[in-house]
Amino acid sequence: MTIFSKIIKGEIPCNKVLENENFLAFHDINPKAPIHILIIPKVEVENFQQVTPEIMANMTSFIQEVAKLMGLDDNGYRLITNNGADGGQEVMHLHFHLLGGARLSWNHLCDSDSKKFL
């Protein structure tokens, strides 16, 4: 059971932004931007490779609603999902990071010299 499963069950508290029967959005406890929201499905899905098109179809409108609620829909935001160990996924439960509230830089994605990967 992941930490997100425990949050969904109410075993661990979170600072909720929005919730419905299928999804939950809450503030990240280690924010990387002025606004940093985690958005998760309530069903256990390990990562993006495992998610069904039906879940993603419904999750899209939920994420858009969260962005609007947080006031990010006009100026923009970044939406990230890390997939698997090499993609930087730390919690093996599908989740999206919604980041915004400022002009975001892009240079923090890889701590290594990217030339060695080309």
C-alpha atoms as a PDB file:
ATOM      1  CA  MET A   1       0.000   0.000   0.000  1.00  0.00           C
ATOM      2  CA  THR A   2       1.403   3.403  -0.973  1.00  0.00           C
ATOM      3  CA  ILE A   3       1.246   6.650   0.964  1.00  0.00           C
ATOM      4  CA  PHE A   4      -1.348   7.861  -1.560  1.00  0.00           C
ATOM      5  CA  SER A   5      -3.561   4.872  -0.784  1.00  0.00           C
ATOM      6  CA  LYS A   6      -3.370   5.814   2.892  1.00  0.00           C
ATOM      7  CA  ILE A   7      -4.268   9.421   2.059  1.00  0.00           C
ATOM      8  CA  ILE A   8      -7.265   8.256   0.003  1.00  0.00           C
ATOM      9  CA  LYS A   9      -8.451   6.097   2.927  1.00  0.00           C
ATOM     10  CA  GLY A  10      -8.053   9.024   5.347  1.00  0.00           C
ATOM     11  CA  GLU A  11      -5.320   7.278   7.338  1.00  0.00           C
ATOM     12  CA  ILE A  12      -2.922  10.141   6.569  1.00  0.00           C
ATOM     13  CA  PRO A  13      -4.224  13.721   6.446  1.00  0.00           C
ATOM     14  CA  CYS A  14      -3.746  15.997   3.453  1.00  0.00           C
ATOM     15  CA  ASN A  15      -4.535  19.573   2.535  1.00  0.00           C
ATOM     16  CA  LYS A  16      -7.299  18.862  -0.004  1.00  0.00           C
ATOM     17  CA  VAL A  17      -7.971  21.126  -2.945  1.00  0.00           C
ATOM     18  CA  LEU A  18     -10.689  19.106  -4.676  1.00  0.00           C
ATOM     19  CA  GLU A  19     -12.160  15.630  -4.400  1.00  0.00           C
ATOM     20  CA  ASN A  20     -14.828  13.597  -6.131  1.00  0.00           C
ATOM     21  CA  GLU A  21     -15.677   9.906  -6.193  1.00  0.00           C
ATOM     22  CA  ASN A  22     -12.795   9.086  -8.577  1.00  0.00           C
ATOM     23  CA  PHE A  23      -9.978  11.579  -7.936  1.00  0.00           C
ATOM     24  CA  LEU A  24      -8.263  13.576  -5.224  1.00  0.00           C
ATOM     25  CA  ALA A  25      -6.154  16.740  -5.476  1.00  0.00           C
ATOM     26  CA  PHE A  26      -4.086  18.030  -2.561  1.00  0.00           C
ATOM     27  CA  HIS A  27      -1.126  20.306  -1.825  1.00  0.00           C
ATOM     28  CA  ASP A  28       2.324  18.709  -2.062  1.00  0.00           C
ATOM     29  CA  ILE A  29       4.109  18.773   1.312  1.00  0.00           C
ATOM     30  CA  ASN A  30       7.411  19.564  -0.453  1.00  0.00           C
ATOM     31  CA  PRO A  31       6.379  22.185  -3.033  1.00  0.00           C
ATOM     32  CA  LYS A  32       8.606  22.983  -6.013  1.00  0.00           C
ATOM     33  CA  ALA A  33       6.566  26.042  -7.075  1.00  0.00           C
ATOM     34  CA  PRO A  34       4.325  28.602  -5.361  1.00  0.00           C
ATOM     35  CA  ILE A  35       1.421  26.301  -6.239  1.00  0.00           C
ATOM     36  CA  HIS A  36       2.180  22.566  -6.263  1.00  0.00           C
ATOM     37  CA  ILE A  37      -0.795  20.209  -6.284  1.00  0.00           C
ATOM     38  CA  LEU A  38      -0.743  16.408  -6.535  1.00  0.00           C
ATOM     39  CA  ILE A  39      -3.623  14.832  -8.425  1.00  0.00           C
ATOM     40  CA  ILE A  40      -4.309  11.110  -8.064  1.00  0.00           C
ATOM     41  CA  PRO A  41      -6.940   8.578  -9.070  1.00  0.00           C
ATOM     42  CA  LYS A  42      -8.592   6.840  -6.144  1.00  0.00           C
ATOM     43  CA  VAL A  43      -8.114   3.447  -7.763  1.00  0.00           C
ATOM     44  CA  GLU A  44      -4.651   1.950  -7.484  1.00  0.00           C
ATOM     45  CA  VAL A  45      -2.819   2.439 -10.756  1.00  0.00           C
ATOM     46  CA  GLU A  46       0.941   2.079 -10.555  1.00  0.00           C
ATOM     47  CA  ASN A  47       1.947   4.489 -13.314  1.00  0.00           C
ATOM     48  CA  PHE A  48       1.003   6.063 -16.621  1.00  0.00           C
ATOM     49  CA  GLN A  49       1.797   2.868 -18.547  1.00  0.00           C
ATOM     50  CA  GLN A  50      -0.846   1.049 -16.499  1.00  0.00           C
ATOM     51  CA  VAL A  51      -3.664   3.627 -16.647  1.00  0.00           C
ATOM     52  CA  THR A  52      -6.701   3.011 -18.830  1.00  0.00           C
ATOM     53  CA  PRO A  53      -7.888   5.516 -21.421  1.00  0.00           C
ATOM     54  CA  GLU A  54     -11.196   5.748 -19.523  1.00  0.00           C
ATOM     55  CA  ILE A  55      -9.509   6.865 -16.299  1.00  0.00           C
ATOM     56  CA  MET A  56      -7.428   9.434 -18.200  1.00  0.00           C
ATOM     57  CA  ALA A  57     -10.486  10.749 -20.047  1.00  0.00           C
ATOM     58  CA  ASN A  58     -12.190  11.473 -16.735  1.00  0.00           C
ATOM     59  CA  MET A  59      -9.001  12.676 -15.067  1.00  0.00           C
ATOM     60  CA  THR A  60      -8.468  15.312 -17.759  1.00  0.00           C
ATOM     61  CA  SER A  61     -11.541  17.319 -16.813  1.00  0.00           C
ATOM     62  CA  PHE A  62     -10.710  16.928 -13.104  1.00  0.00           C
ATOM     63  CA  ILE A  63      -7.199  18.321 -13.636  1.00  0.00           C
ATOM     64  CA  GLN A  64      -8.611  21.215 -15.658  1.00  0.00           C
ATOM     65  CA  GLU A  65     -11.052  21.957 -12.846  1.00  0.00           C
ATOM     66  CA  VAL A  66      -8.216  21.978 -10.294  1.00  0.00           C
ATOM     67  CA  ALA A  67      -6.171  24.350 -12.483  1.00  0.00           C
ATOM     68  CA  LYS A  68      -9.142  26.717 -12.755  1.00  0.00           C
ATOM     69  CA  LEU A  69      -9.864  26.515  -9.026  1.00  0.00           C
ATOM     70  CA  MET A  70      -6.236  27.430  -8.268  1.00  0.00           C
ATOM     71  CA  GLY A  71      -6.339  30.350 -10.727  1.00  0.00           C
ATOM     72  CA  LEU A  72      -3.818  28.787 -13.091  1.00  0.00           C
ATOM     73  CA  ASP A  73      -5.996  28.374 -16.162  1.00  0.00           C
ATOM     74  CA  ASP A  74      -5.253  31.821 -17.638  1.00  0.00           C
ATOM     75  CA  ASN A  75      -1.510  32.294 -17.038  1.00  0.00           C
ATOM     76  CA  GLY A  76      -0.531  28.659 -17.409  1.00  0.00           C
ATOM     77  CA  TYR A  77       0.946  25.815 -15.435  1.00  0.00           C
ATOM     78  CA  ARG A  78       3.115  22.750 -15.767  1.00  0.00           C
ATOM     79  CA  LEU A  79       1.615  19.259 -15.560  1.00  0.00           C
ATOM     80  CA  ILE A  80       4.090  16.436 -14.893  1.00  0.00           C
ATOM     81  CA  THR A  81       3.868  12.725 -14.294  1.00  0.00           C
ATOM     82  CA  ASN A  82       6.990  10.700 -13.604  1.00  0.00           C
ATOM     83  CA  ASN A  83       6.817   7.177 -14.968  1.00  0.00           C
ATOM     84  CA  GLY A  84       8.935   4.413 -13.447  1.00  0.00           C
ATOM     85  CA  ALA A  85      12.279   4.554 -11.681  1.00  0.00           C
ATOM     86  CA  ASP A  86      14.231   6.111 -14.569  1.00  0.00           C
ATOM     87  CA  GLY A  87      11.485   8.711 -14.979  1.00  0.00           C
ATOM     88  CA  GLY A  88      11.882   9.777 -11.354  1.00  0.00           C
ATOM     89  CA  GLN A  89       8.694   8.199  -9.979  1.00  0.00           C
ATOM     90  CA  GLU A  90       9.052   7.876  -6.205  1.00  0.00           C
ATOM     91  CA  VAL A  91       5.525   6.809  -5.215  1.00  0.00           C
ATOM     92  CA  MET A  92       4.257   3.892  -7.282  1.00  0.00           C
ATOM     93  CA  HIS A  93       0.725   5.242  -7.610  1.00  0.00           C
ATOM     94  CA  LEU A  94      -0.115   7.308 -10.692  1.00  0.00           C
ATOM     95  CA  HIS A  95       0.000  10.986  -9.831  1.00  0.00           C
ATOM     96  CA  PHE A  96       0.302  14.277 -11.625  1.00  0.00           C
ATOM     97  CA  HIS A  97       2.125  17.331 -10.339  1.00  0.00           C
ATOM     98  CA  LEU A  98       0.330  20.579 -11.175  1.00  0.00           C
ATOM     99  CA  LEU A  99       2.825  23.427 -10.732  1.00  0.00           C
ATOM    100  CA  GLY A 100       2.243  27.117 -11.207  1.00  0.00           C
ATOM    101  CA  GLY A 101       1.911  30.505  -9.641  1.00  0.00           C
ATOM    102  CA  ALA A 102       5.113  31.848 -11.237  1.00  0.00           C
ATOM    103  CA  ARG A 103       7.122  31.614 -14.453  1.00  0.00           C
ATOM    104  CA  LEU A 104       8.708  28.182 -14.085  1.00  0.00           C
ATOM    105  CA  SER A 105      12.267  27.333 -15.129  1.00  0.00           C
ATOM    106  CA  TRP A 106      13.124  24.110 -16.916  1.00  0.00           C
ATOM    107  CA  ASN A 107      16.745  23.514 -15.875  1.00  0.00           C
ATOM    108  CA  HIS A 108      16.125  21.333 -12.814  1.00  0.00           C
ATOM    109  CA  LEU A 109      15.017  18.174 -14.617  1.00  0.00           C
ATOM    110  CA  CYS A 110      18.341  16.367 -14.786  1.00  0.00           C
ATOM    111  CA  ASP A 111      21.207  16.652 -12.335  1.00  0.00           C
ATOM    112  CA  SER A 112      23.530  14.846 -14.760  1.00  0.00           C
ATOM    113  CA  ASP A 113      25.295  16.106 -17.852  1.00  0.00           C
ATOM    114  CA  SER A 114      22.642  15.574 -20.535  1.00  0.00           C
ATOM    115  CA  LYS A 115      25.297  15.340 -23.294  1.00  0.00           C
ATOM    116  CA  LYS A 116      26.246  11.857 -22.136  1.00  0.00           C
ATOM    117  CA  PHE A 117      22.693  10.668 -22.892  1.00  0.00           C
ATOM    118  CA  LEU A 118      22.712  11.858 -26.522  1.00  0.00           C
END
